[in-house]
Amino acid sequence: MNFTLLTAKNTELYCWTELGVHMDSRIERQRAIVAEHIRCENGHDWPAVYETFVQDERAFYDVIPLKASFKGIEGVRQFYQTIATAVPDLHIQVTAQYDAPGCTICETTISGTHLGPYLDMAASGNSVSFELAAFYFFDEDCTKLVAERIYYDQASVMAQMQPTQVAKSA
């Protein structure tokens, strides 16, 4: 058995290559997991989203623009609870997808309505839409997510969430 070592922010992830197993089968598993993960996010089925991750301390969710890392499966749940409260009608549209053994990358458009608190900002009721790149890292047999790491323009998101000022008439 051979293996590929992937390093993700001080975490080593292994994806094993079994003799006689074509690499495409691992990529197919990864694609199926990511598709299910995003389908459940769009369906707001949070318990099913959590189930796409390993259910232990290896799980993590990184939000790079905030320099925040949510550790363990409980941290992953905490992240999603925050997002589900802030943007309860969250929708993800995948615009491109790239795969390598142990990692899938999706370019997406995120949209929704800011209806709950987010980073100490009260709900504005504003629509938000922004581009996001998500890196999905898999466990050793490429059957569960170990991590998701996201990159996006936080300033753009915050600007869209700002309450609009209503001009006062004299």
C-alpha atoms as a PDB file:
ATOM      1  CA  MET A   1       0.000   0.000   0.000  1.00  0.00           C
ATOM      2  CA  ASN A   2       1.321   3.459  -0.918  1.00  0.00           C
ATOM      3  CA  PHE A   3       0.199   6.748   0.525  1.00  0.00           C
ATOM      4  CA  THR A   4       0.123  10.409  -0.325  1.00  0.00           C
ATOM      5  CA  LEU A   5       0.858  12.868   2.474  1.00  0.00           C
ATOM      6  CA  LEU A   6      -1.054  16.139   2.347  1.00  0.00           C
ATOM      7  CA  THR A   7      -0.295  18.882   4.855  1.00  0.00           C
ATOM      8  CA  ALA A   8      -3.017  21.301   5.863  1.00  0.00           C
ATOM      9  CA  LYS A   9      -2.142  23.963   8.450  1.00  0.00           C
ATOM     10  CA  ASN A  10      -0.183  21.815  10.887  1.00  0.00           C
ATOM     11  CA  THR A  11      -2.403  18.816  10.180  1.00  0.00           C
ATOM     12  CA  GLU A  12      -1.180  15.855   8.201  1.00  0.00           C
ATOM     13  CA  LEU A  13      -3.830  14.131   6.122  1.00  0.00           C
ATOM     14  CA  TYR A  14      -3.170  10.797   4.498  1.00  0.00           C
ATOM     15  CA  CYS A  15      -4.998   9.366   1.530  1.00  0.00           C
ATOM     16  CA  TRP A  16      -4.010   5.735   0.979  1.00  0.00           C
ATOM     17  CA  THR A  17      -3.526   4.295  -2.486  1.00  0.00           C
ATOM     18  CA  GLU A  18      -4.443   0.632  -2.406  1.00  0.00           C
ATOM     19  CA  LEU A  19      -2.894  -1.655  -4.977  1.00  0.00           C
ATOM     20  CA  GLY A  20      -5.317  -2.248  -7.802  1.00  0.00           C
ATOM     21  CA  VAL A  21      -7.519   0.744  -6.860  1.00  0.00           C
ATOM     22  CA  HIS A  22      -7.654   3.320  -9.605  1.00  0.00           C
ATOM     23  CA  MET A  23      -7.187   6.901  -8.385  1.00  0.00           C
ATOM     24  CA  ASP A  24     -10.419   7.923 -10.107  1.00  0.00           C
ATOM     25  CA  SER A  25     -12.428   5.871  -7.570  1.00  0.00           C
ATOM     26  CA  ARG A  26     -11.086   8.033  -4.738  1.00  0.00           C
ATOM     27  CA  ILE A  27     -11.891  11.192  -6.669  1.00  0.00           C
ATOM     28  CA  GLU A  28     -15.385   9.827  -7.316  1.00  0.00           C
ATOM     29  CA  ARG A  29     -15.824   9.239  -3.545  1.00  0.00           C
ATOM     30  CA  GLN A  30     -14.588  12.747  -2.797  1.00  0.00           C
ATOM     31  CA  ARG A  31     -16.933  14.287  -5.367  1.00  0.00           C
ATOM     32  CA  ALA A  32     -19.879  12.330  -3.943  1.00  0.00           C
ATOM     33  CA  ILE A  33     -19.105  13.495  -0.389  1.00  0.00           C
ATOM     34  CA  VAL A  34     -18.722  17.141  -1.431  1.00  0.00           C
ATOM     35  CA  ALA A  35     -21.947  16.980  -3.471  1.00  0.00           C
ATOM     36  CA  GLU A  36     -23.809  15.517  -0.485  1.00  0.00           C
ATOM     37  CA  HIS A  37     -22.236  18.076   1.852  1.00  0.00           C
ATOM     38  CA  ILE A  38     -23.330  21.017  -0.324  1.00  0.00           C
ATOM     39  CA  ARG A  39     -26.760  19.479  -0.980  1.00  0.00           C
ATOM     40  CA  CYS A  40     -27.309  19.257   2.789  1.00  0.00           C
ATOM     41  CA  GLU A  41     -26.035  22.829   3.310  1.00  0.00           C
ATOM     42  CA  ASN A  42     -28.483  24.088   0.670  1.00  0.00           C
ATOM     43  CA  GLY A  43     -31.238  22.030   2.312  1.00  0.00           C
ATOM     44  CA  HIS A  44     -30.292  23.464   5.715  1.00  0.00           C
ATOM     45  CA  ASP A  45     -30.058  19.895   7.032  1.00  0.00           C
ATOM     46  CA  TRP A  46     -27.309  20.677   9.541  1.00  0.00           C
ATOM     47  CA  PRO A  47     -27.152  17.227  11.230  1.00  0.00           C
ATOM     48  CA  ALA A  48     -26.574  15.680   7.784  1.00  0.00           C
ATOM     49  CA  VAL A  49     -23.859  18.286   7.054  1.00  0.00           C
ATOM     50  CA  TYR A  50     -22.085  17.305  10.301  1.00  0.00           C
ATOM     51  CA  GLU A  51     -22.263  13.648   9.284  1.00  0.00           C
ATOM     52  CA  THR A  52     -20.131  14.362   6.214  1.00  0.00           C
ATOM     53  CA  PHE A  53     -17.214  15.060   8.611  1.00  0.00           C
ATOM     54  CA  VAL A  54     -15.187  12.651  10.732  1.00  0.00           C
ATOM     55  CA  GLN A  55     -16.843  12.640  14.151  1.00  0.00           C
ATOM     56  CA  ASP A  56     -13.853  13.382  16.354  1.00  0.00           C
ATOM     57  CA  GLU A  57     -11.130  15.883  17.271  1.00  0.00           C
ATOM     58  CA  ARG A  58      -9.540  15.634  13.802  1.00  0.00           C
ATOM     59  CA  ALA A  59     -12.389  17.652  12.295  1.00  0.00           C
ATOM     60  CA  PHE A  60     -11.922  21.388  11.829  1.00  0.00           C
ATOM     61  CA  TYR A  61     -13.327  24.337   9.916  1.00  0.00           C
ATOM     62  CA  ASP A  62     -11.022  27.222   8.939  1.00  0.00           C
ATOM     63  CA  VAL A  63     -12.303  30.677   8.000  1.00  0.00           C
ATOM     64  CA  ILE A  64      -9.144  32.243   6.586  1.00  0.00           C
ATOM     65  CA  PRO A  65     -10.350  35.883   6.286  1.00  0.00           C
ATOM     66  CA  LEU A  66     -11.197  35.852  10.010  1.00  0.00           C
ATOM     67  CA  LYS A  67      -8.082  33.897  11.000  1.00  0.00           C
ATOM     68  CA  ALA A  68     -10.483  31.577  12.825  1.00  0.00           C
ATOM     69  CA  SER A  69     -10.287  27.829  13.209  1.00  0.00           C
ATOM     70  CA  PHE A  70     -13.117  25.805  14.702  1.00  0.00           C
ATOM     71  CA  LYS A  71     -11.550  22.665  16.189  1.00  0.00           C
ATOM     72  CA  GLY A  72     -13.116  19.229  16.511  1.00  0.00           C
ATOM     73  CA  ILE A  73     -16.578  18.184  15.414  1.00  0.00           C
ATOM     74  CA  GLU A  74     -18.080  20.435  18.104  1.00  0.00           C
ATOM     75  CA  GLY A  75     -16.228  23.392  16.605  1.00  0.00           C
ATOM     76  CA  VAL A  76     -17.573  22.480  13.162  1.00  0.00           C
ATOM     77  CA  ARG A  77     -21.112  22.445  14.607  1.00  0.00           C
ATOM     78  CA  GLN A  78     -20.491  25.833  16.263  1.00  0.00           C
ATOM     79  CA  PHE A  79     -19.431  27.341  12.924  1.00  0.00           C
ATOM     80  CA  TYR A  80     -22.533  26.082  11.125  1.00  0.00           C
ATOM     81  CA  GLN A  81     -24.864  27.207  13.932  1.00  0.00           C
ATOM     82  CA  THR A  82     -23.441  30.725  13.591  1.00  0.00           C
ATOM     83  CA  ILE A  83     -23.925  30.746   9.819  1.00  0.00           C
ATOM     84  CA  ALA A  84     -27.432  29.210  10.038  1.00  0.00           C
ATOM     85  CA  THR A  85     -28.438  31.984  12.429  1.00  0.00           C
ATOM     86  CA  ALA A  86     -26.841  34.820  10.430  1.00  0.00           C
ATOM     87  CA  VAL A  87     -28.016  33.701   6.966  1.00  0.00           C
ATOM     88  CA  PRO A  88     -30.809  31.146   7.433  1.00  0.00           C
ATOM     89  CA  ASP A  89     -31.617  31.033   3.706  1.00  0.00           C
ATOM     90  CA  LEU A  90     -27.996  30.347   2.732  1.00  0.00           C
ATOM     91  CA  HIS A  91     -27.563  29.041  -0.804  1.00  0.00           C
ATOM     92  CA  ILE A  92     -24.372  27.716  -2.399  1.00  0.00           C
ATOM     93  CA  GLN A  93     -23.886  27.485  -6.148  1.00  0.00           C
ATOM     94  CA  VAL A  94     -20.771  25.662  -7.304  1.00  0.00           C
ATOM     95  CA  THR A  95     -19.255  27.370 -10.340  1.00  0.00           C
ATOM     96  CA  ALA A  96     -16.115  25.210 -10.690  1.00  0.00           C
ATOM     97  CA  GLN A  97     -14.612  22.152  -9.024  1.00  0.00           C
ATOM     98  CA  TYR A  98     -11.084  20.740  -8.962  1.00  0.00           C
ATOM     99  CA  ASP A  99      -9.957  17.426  -7.472  1.00  0.00           C
ATOM    100  CA  ALA A 100      -6.699  15.896  -6.319  1.00  0.00           C
ATOM    101  CA  PRO A 101      -6.288  12.847  -4.119  1.00  0.00           C
ATOM    102  CA  GLY A 102      -7.329  13.899  -0.627  1.00  0.00           C
ATOM    103  CA  CYS A 103      -8.524  17.398  -1.590  1.00  0.00           C
ATOM    104  CA  THR A 104     -11.411  18.894  -3.538  1.00  0.00           C
ATOM    105  CA  ILE A 105     -11.617  22.626  -4.248  1.00  0.00           C
ATOM    106  CA  CYS A 106     -14.876  24.353  -5.164  1.00  0.00           C
ATOM    107  CA  GLU A 107     -15.352  27.867  -6.449  1.00  0.00           C
ATOM    108  CA  THR A 108     -18.801  28.997  -5.365  1.00  0.00           C
ATOM    109  CA  THR A 109     -21.243  31.856  -5.175  1.00  0.00           C
ATOM    110  CA  ILE A 110     -22.815  32.217  -1.739  1.00  0.00           C
ATOM    111  CA  SER A 111     -26.113  34.051  -1.400  1.00  0.00           C
ATOM    112  CA  GLY A 112     -28.739  34.651   1.233  1.00  0.00           C
ATOM    113  CA  THR A 113     -30.312  37.208   3.540  1.00  0.00           C
ATOM    114  CA  HIS A 114     -28.636  38.636   6.640  1.00  0.00           C
ATOM    115  CA  LEU A 115     -31.352  37.823   9.206  1.00  0.00           C
ATOM    116  CA  GLY A 116     -29.287  37.138  12.328  1.00  0.00           C
ATOM    117  CA  PRO A 117     -26.205  38.448  14.139  1.00  0.00           C
ATOM    118  CA  TYR A 118     -22.842  38.022  12.450  1.00  0.00           C
ATOM    119  CA  LEU A 119     -19.554  39.213  13.980  1.00  0.00           C
ATOM    120  CA  ASP A 120     -21.361  41.560  16.379  1.00  0.00           C
ATOM    121  CA  MET A 121     -23.407  43.033  13.512  1.00  0.00           C
ATOM    122  CA  ALA A 122     -27.159  42.923  14.056  1.00  0.00           C
ATOM    123  CA  ALA A 123     -29.386  41.532  11.329  1.00  0.00           C
ATOM    124  CA  SER A 124     -29.919  44.044   8.527  1.00  0.00           C
ATOM    125  CA  GLY A 125     -32.327  42.115   6.305  1.00  0.00           C
ATOM    126  CA  ASN A 126     -29.988  42.795   3.377  1.00  0.00           C
ATOM    127  CA  SER A 127     -29.331  40.317   0.613  1.00  0.00           C
ATOM    128  CA  VAL A 128     -25.734  39.163   0.355  1.00  0.00           C
ATOM    129  CA  SER A 129     -23.907  37.510  -2.517  1.00  0.00           C
ATOM    130  CA  PHE A 130     -20.193  36.795  -2.758  1.00  0.00           C
ATOM    131  CA  GLU A 131     -17.631  34.492  -4.298  1.00  0.00           C
ATOM    132  CA  LEU A 132     -15.966  31.904  -2.074  1.00  0.00           C
ATOM    133  CA  ALA A 133     -13.340  29.210  -2.567  1.00  0.00           C
ATOM    134  CA  ALA A 134     -13.690  26.126  -0.375  1.00  0.00           C
ATOM    135  CA  PHE A 135     -10.982  23.521   0.128  1.00  0.00           C
ATOM    136  CA  TYR A 136     -12.251  20.141   1.360  1.00  0.00           C
ATOM    137  CA  PHE A 137      -9.743  17.768   2.975  1.00  0.00           C
ATOM    138  CA  PHE A 138     -10.511  14.072   3.407  1.00  0.00           C
ATOM    139  CA  ASP A 139      -9.636  11.283   5.834  1.00  0.00           C
ATOM    140  CA  GLU A 140      -7.207   8.476   4.999  1.00  0.00           C
ATOM    141  CA  ASP A 141      -9.710   6.433   2.966  1.00  0.00           C
ATOM    142  CA  CYS A 142     -11.307   9.515   1.377  1.00  0.00           C
ATOM    143  CA  THR A 143     -14.768   8.705   2.735  1.00  0.00           C
ATOM    144  CA  LYS A 144     -15.302  11.608   5.183  1.00  0.00           C
ATOM    145  CA  LEU A 145     -14.287  15.233   5.398  1.00  0.00           C
ATOM    146  CA  VAL A 146     -11.623  16.088   7.928  1.00  0.00           C
ATOM    147  CA  ALA A 147     -11.806  19.793   7.182  1.00  0.00           C
ATOM    148  CA  GLU A 148     -13.207  22.605   5.148  1.00  0.00           C
ATOM    149  CA  ARG A 149     -11.164  25.770   4.650  1.00  0.00           C
ATOM    150  CA  ILE A 150     -12.797  28.828   3.081  1.00  0.00           C
ATOM    151  CA  TYR A 151     -11.453  31.977   1.436  1.00  0.00           C
ATOM    152  CA  TYR A 152     -13.587  35.009   0.526  1.00  0.00           C
ATOM    153  CA  ASP A 153     -13.605  38.826   0.670  1.00  0.00           C
ATOM    154  CA  GLN A 154     -14.774  39.566   4.228  1.00  0.00           C
ATOM    155  CA  ALA A 155     -14.893  43.348   3.631  1.00  0.00           C
ATOM    156  CA  SER A 156     -17.378  42.829   0.789  1.00  0.00           C
ATOM    157  CA  VAL A 157     -19.590  40.635   2.975  1.00  0.00           C
ATOM    158  CA  MET A 158     -19.574  43.163   5.818  1.00  0.00           C
ATOM    159  CA  ALA A 159     -20.359  46.037   3.435  1.00  0.00           C
ATOM    160  CA  GLN A 160     -23.366  44.141   2.076  1.00  0.00           C
ATOM    161  CA  MET A 161     -24.618  43.466   5.611  1.00  0.00           C
ATOM    162  CA  GLN A 162     -24.477  47.128   6.670  1.00  0.00           C
ATOM    163  CA  PRO A 163     -27.922  48.585   7.308  1.00  0.00           C
ATOM    164  CA  THR A 164     -29.001  51.025   4.639  1.00  0.00           C
ATOM    165  CA  GLN A 165     -29.558  54.583   5.774  1.00  0.00           C
ATOM    166  CA  VAL A 166     -32.965  56.072   5.062  1.00  0.00           C
ATOM    167  CA  ALA A 167     -32.711  59.734   4.168  1.00  0.00           C
ATOM    168  CA  LYS A 168     -34.712  62.007   6.467  1.00  0.00           C
ATOM    169  CA  SER A 169     -37.008  64.539   4.846  1.00  0.00           C
ATOM    170  CA  ALA A 170     -36.789  68.121   6.061  1.00  0.00           C
END
